[in-house]
Amino acid sequence: MYFDAMTQLGIGAFVSRLTLGLQDGSNTQVIPSVTLVMPTSTLHLLAREIVKALDNPEHRTRMRAAFEQYDSDFPPSGS
């Protein structure tokens, strides 16, 4: 599954909904395409795992290196 953005988030006491979407061809709007419905406790655990991964120094080093490699693969503007 691929998505460009989150278009809606609804968090309830027991169940949460997360709607994900894709950018349209003109990149001016995001069109909702799928809604995930899950226990709120599961959403909470997912959020904690995401934060833990992003706070991991090893992960941040790998991501920084990947972005630098991506950036170096393209010539500067005007070349």
N, C-alpha and C. Protein backbone atom coordinates (compact mmCIF):
# COMPACT_ATOMS: atom_id res chain seq x y z
N MET A 1 0.84 -1.16 0.00
CA MET A 1 0.00 0.00 0.00
C MET A 1 0.89 1.24 0.00
N TYR A 2 0.55 2.18 -0.83
CA TYR A 2 1.28 3.45 -0.90
C TYR A 2 0.29 4.59 -0.73
N PHE A 3 0.71 5.63 -0.04
CA PHE A 3 -0.11 6.83 0.07
C PHE A 3 0.81 8.03 0.19
N ASP A 4 0.29 9.19 -0.21
CA ASP A 4 1.06 10.43 -0.16
C ASP A 4 0.83 11.21 1.13
N ALA A 5 -0.36 11.06 1.72
CA ALA A 5 -0.67 11.87 2.89
C ALA A 5 -1.81 11.25 3.69
N MET A 6 -1.89 11.68 4.92
CA MET A 6 -3.04 11.35 5.75
C MET A 6 -4.07 12.46 5.52
N THR A 7 -5.29 12.08 5.22
CA THR A 7 -6.32 13.08 4.95
C THR A 7 -7.26 13.28 6.13
N GLN A 8 -7.35 12.28 7.00
CA GLN A 8 -8.25 12.42 8.14
C GLN A 8 -7.83 11.45 9.23
N LEU A 9 -8.01 11.86 10.46
CA LEU A 9 -7.72 11.02 11.61
C LEU A 9 -8.84 11.20 12.62
N GLY A 10 -9.44 10.11 13.00
CA GLY A 10 -10.48 10.13 14.03
C GLY A 10 -10.10 9.17 15.13
N ILE A 11 -9.93 9.68 16.33
CA ILE A 11 -9.52 8.85 17.46
C ILE A 11 -10.66 8.78 18.46
N GLY A 12 -11.14 7.57 18.67
CA GLY A 12 -12.21 7.35 19.64
C GLY A 12 -11.68 6.59 20.85
N ALA A 13 -12.53 6.39 21.81
CA ALA A 13 -12.12 5.70 23.03
C ALA A 13 -11.68 4.26 22.74
N PHE A 14 -12.36 3.62 21.78
CA PHE A 14 -12.07 2.21 21.52
C PHE A 14 -11.62 1.94 20.09
N VAL A 15 -12.10 2.73 19.13
CA VAL A 15 -11.79 2.51 17.72
C VAL A 15 -11.33 3.82 17.09
N SER A 16 -10.31 3.73 16.23
CA SER A 16 -9.80 4.90 15.52
C SER A 16 -9.84 4.65 14.03
N ARG A 17 -9.93 5.75 13.28
CA ARG A 17 -9.95 5.68 11.81
C ARG A 17 -8.86 6.59 11.29
N LEU A 18 -8.10 6.08 10.33
CA LEU A 18 -7.02 6.83 9.69
C LEU A 18 -7.26 6.74 8.19
N THR A 19 -7.56 7.87 7.56
CA THR A 19 -7.80 7.89 6.12
C THR A 19 -6.55 8.38 5.41
N LEU A 20 -6.13 7.62 4.41
CA LEU A 20 -4.91 7.90 3.65
C LEU A 20 -5.30 8.22 2.21
N GLY A 21 -4.48 9.04 1.56
CA GLY A 21 -4.84 9.43 0.21
C GLY A 21 -3.65 9.58 -0.72
N LEU A 22 -3.99 9.78 -1.98
CA LEU A 22 -2.99 9.96 -3.04
C LEU A 22 -3.17 11.34 -3.65
N GLN A 23 -2.05 11.96 -4.05
CA GLN A 23 -2.13 13.24 -4.74
C GLN A 23 -2.72 13.03 -6.12
N ASP A 24 -3.52 14.00 -6.56
CA ASP A 24 -4.06 13.90 -7.91
C ASP A 24 -2.94 14.22 -8.91
N GLY A 25 -3.21 14.07 -10.19
CA GLY A 25 -2.19 14.27 -11.22
C GLY A 25 -1.57 15.65 -11.24
N SER A 26 -2.31 16.66 -10.81
CA SER A 26 -1.78 18.02 -10.81
C SER A 26 -1.07 18.38 -9.51
N ASN A 27 -1.04 17.44 -8.56
CA ASN A 27 -0.40 17.64 -7.25
C ASN A 27 -1.01 18.79 -6.47
N THR A 28 -2.27 19.12 -6.72
CA THR A 28 -2.90 20.22 -6.00
C THR A 28 -3.77 19.76 -4.85
N GLN A 29 -4.22 18.52 -4.89
CA GLN A 29 -5.04 18.02 -3.79
C GLN A 29 -4.76 16.55 -3.54
N VAL A 30 -5.10 16.12 -2.35
CA VAL A 30 -4.94 14.72 -1.97
C VAL A 30 -6.34 14.10 -1.97
N ILE A 31 -6.47 13.00 -2.69
CA ILE A 31 -7.75 12.30 -2.80
C ILE A 31 -7.75 11.12 -1.84
N PRO A 32 -8.67 11.10 -0.87
CA PRO A 32 -8.74 9.97 0.06
C PRO A 32 -8.92 8.66 -0.72
N SER A 33 -8.18 7.63 -0.34
CA SER A 33 -8.27 6.38 -1.08
C SER A 33 -8.53 5.16 -0.21
N VAL A 34 -8.15 5.20 1.06
CA VAL A 34 -8.38 4.04 1.93
C VAL A 34 -8.52 4.53 3.37
N THR A 35 -9.38 3.87 4.12
CA THR A 35 -9.53 4.18 5.54
C THR A 35 -9.18 2.93 6.33
N LEU A 36 -8.24 3.09 7.25
CA LEU A 36 -7.88 2.01 8.16
C LEU A 36 -8.67 2.20 9.44
N VAL A 37 -9.29 1.15 9.90
CA VAL A 37 -10.04 1.17 11.15
C VAL A 37 -9.36 0.17 12.07
N MET A 38 -9.00 0.63 13.26
CA MET A 38 -8.27 -0.23 14.18
C MET A 38 -8.58 0.14 15.62
N PRO A 39 -8.30 -0.77 16.53
CA PRO A 39 -8.46 -0.41 17.93
C PRO A 39 -7.56 0.79 18.27
N THR A 40 -8.06 1.69 19.07
CA THR A 40 -7.26 2.85 19.46
C THR A 40 -5.98 2.43 20.17
N SER A 41 -6.04 1.35 20.92
CA SER A 41 -4.83 0.86 21.59
C SER A 41 -3.77 0.45 20.57
N THR A 42 -4.18 -0.11 19.45
CA THR A 42 -3.24 -0.48 18.40
C THR A 42 -2.64 0.76 17.74
N LEU A 43 -3.46 1.77 17.50
CA LEU A 43 -2.95 3.03 16.94
C LEU A 43 -1.94 3.65 17.89
N HIS A 44 -2.21 3.60 19.18
CA HIS A 44 -1.29 4.14 20.17
C HIS A 44 0.05 3.40 20.13
N LEU A 45 0.00 2.07 20.06
CA LEU A 45 1.25 1.29 19.97
C LEU A 45 2.01 1.61 18.68
N LEU A 46 1.28 1.75 17.57
CA LEU A 46 1.91 2.10 16.30
C LEU A 46 2.61 3.44 16.40
N ALA A 47 1.95 4.43 16.98
CA ALA A 47 2.55 5.76 17.13
C ALA A 47 3.82 5.69 17.98
N ARG A 48 3.78 4.91 19.06
CA ARG A 48 4.96 4.78 19.91
C ARG A 48 6.12 4.12 19.17
N GLU A 49 5.83 3.12 18.34
CA GLU A 49 6.88 2.45 17.56
C GLU A 49 7.49 3.40 16.52
N ILE A 50 6.66 4.22 15.90
CA ILE A 50 7.16 5.19 14.92
C ILE A 50 8.09 6.19 15.61
N VAL A 51 7.67 6.72 16.74
CA VAL A 51 8.50 7.68 17.48
C VAL A 51 9.81 7.03 17.91
N LYS A 52 9.73 5.79 18.39
CA LYS A 52 10.95 5.09 18.82
C LYS A 52 11.92 4.92 17.64
N ALA A 53 11.40 4.55 16.48
CA ALA A 53 12.26 4.38 15.30
C ALA A 53 12.89 5.70 14.88
N LEU A 54 12.10 6.76 14.88
CA LEU A 54 12.63 8.06 14.45
C LEU A 54 13.61 8.65 15.44
N ASP A 55 13.50 8.28 16.71
CA ASP A 55 14.44 8.75 17.73
C ASP A 55 15.73 7.93 17.79
N ASN A 56 15.77 6.80 17.09
CA ASN A 56 16.93 5.93 17.10
C ASN A 56 18.07 6.58 16.31
N PRO A 57 19.22 6.87 16.95
CA PRO A 57 20.33 7.53 16.26
C PRO A 57 20.83 6.74 15.04
N GLU A 58 20.85 5.41 15.12
CA GLU A 58 21.30 4.59 13.99
C GLU A 58 20.35 4.77 12.80
N HIS A 59 19.07 4.78 13.08
CA HIS A 59 18.08 4.99 12.02
C HIS A 59 18.25 6.37 11.39
N ARG A 60 18.44 7.39 12.22
CA ARG A 60 18.60 8.76 11.70
C ARG A 60 19.86 8.85 10.85
N THR A 61 20.93 8.18 11.24
CA THR A 61 22.17 8.19 10.44
C THR A 61 21.94 7.53 9.09
N ARG A 62 21.24 6.39 9.07
CA ARG A 62 20.95 5.71 7.80
C ARG A 62 20.07 6.57 6.91
N MET A 63 19.06 7.21 7.49
CA MET A 63 18.17 8.06 6.70
C MET A 63 18.92 9.27 6.15
N ARG A 64 19.77 9.88 6.95
CA ARG A 64 20.55 11.03 6.49
C ARG A 64 21.45 10.62 5.33
N ALA A 65 22.10 9.47 5.44
CA ALA A 65 22.97 8.99 4.36
C ALA A 65 22.16 8.72 3.09
N ALA A 66 20.97 8.15 3.24
CA ALA A 66 20.12 7.88 2.08
C ALA A 66 19.70 9.17 1.40
N PHE A 67 19.32 10.19 2.18
CA PHE A 67 18.92 11.47 1.61
C PHE A 67 20.10 12.14 0.91
N GLU A 68 21.29 12.07 1.52
CA GLU A 68 22.48 12.66 0.91
C GLU A 68 22.81 11.96 -0.41
N GLN A 69 22.69 10.64 -0.45
CA GLN A 69 22.93 9.90 -1.68
C GLN A 69 21.92 10.30 -2.75
N TYR A 70 20.67 10.38 -2.38
CA TYR A 70 19.61 10.78 -3.31
C TYR A 70 19.90 12.17 -3.86
N ASP A 71 20.26 13.09 -2.99
CA ASP A 71 20.56 14.46 -3.41
C ASP A 71 21.76 14.52 -4.34
N SER A 72 22.78 13.71 -4.08
CA SER A 72 24.00 13.75 -4.91
C SER A 72 23.79 13.10 -6.28
N ASP A 73 22.72 12.34 -6.44
CA ASP A 73 22.43 11.70 -7.72
C ASP A 73 21.88 12.67 -8.76
N PHE A 74 21.53 13.90 -8.34
CA PHE A 74 20.95 14.87 -9.25
C PHE A 74 21.90 16.06 -9.40
N PRO A 75 22.09 16.52 -10.66
CA PRO A 75 22.96 17.69 -10.86
C PRO A 75 22.28 18.94 -10.31
N PRO A 76 23.07 19.97 -9.98
CA PRO A 76 22.46 21.22 -9.50
C PRO A 76 21.57 21.84 -10.56
N SER A 77 20.63 22.66 -10.14
CA SER A 77 19.75 23.36 -11.07
C SER A 77 20.57 24.22 -12.02
N GLY A 78 20.12 24.29 -13.27
CA GLY A 78 20.81 25.11 -14.25
C GLY A 78 21.97 24.40 -14.95
N SER A 79 22.19 23.14 -14.63
CA SER A 79 23.30 22.41 -15.26
C SER A 79 22.80 21.71 -16.51
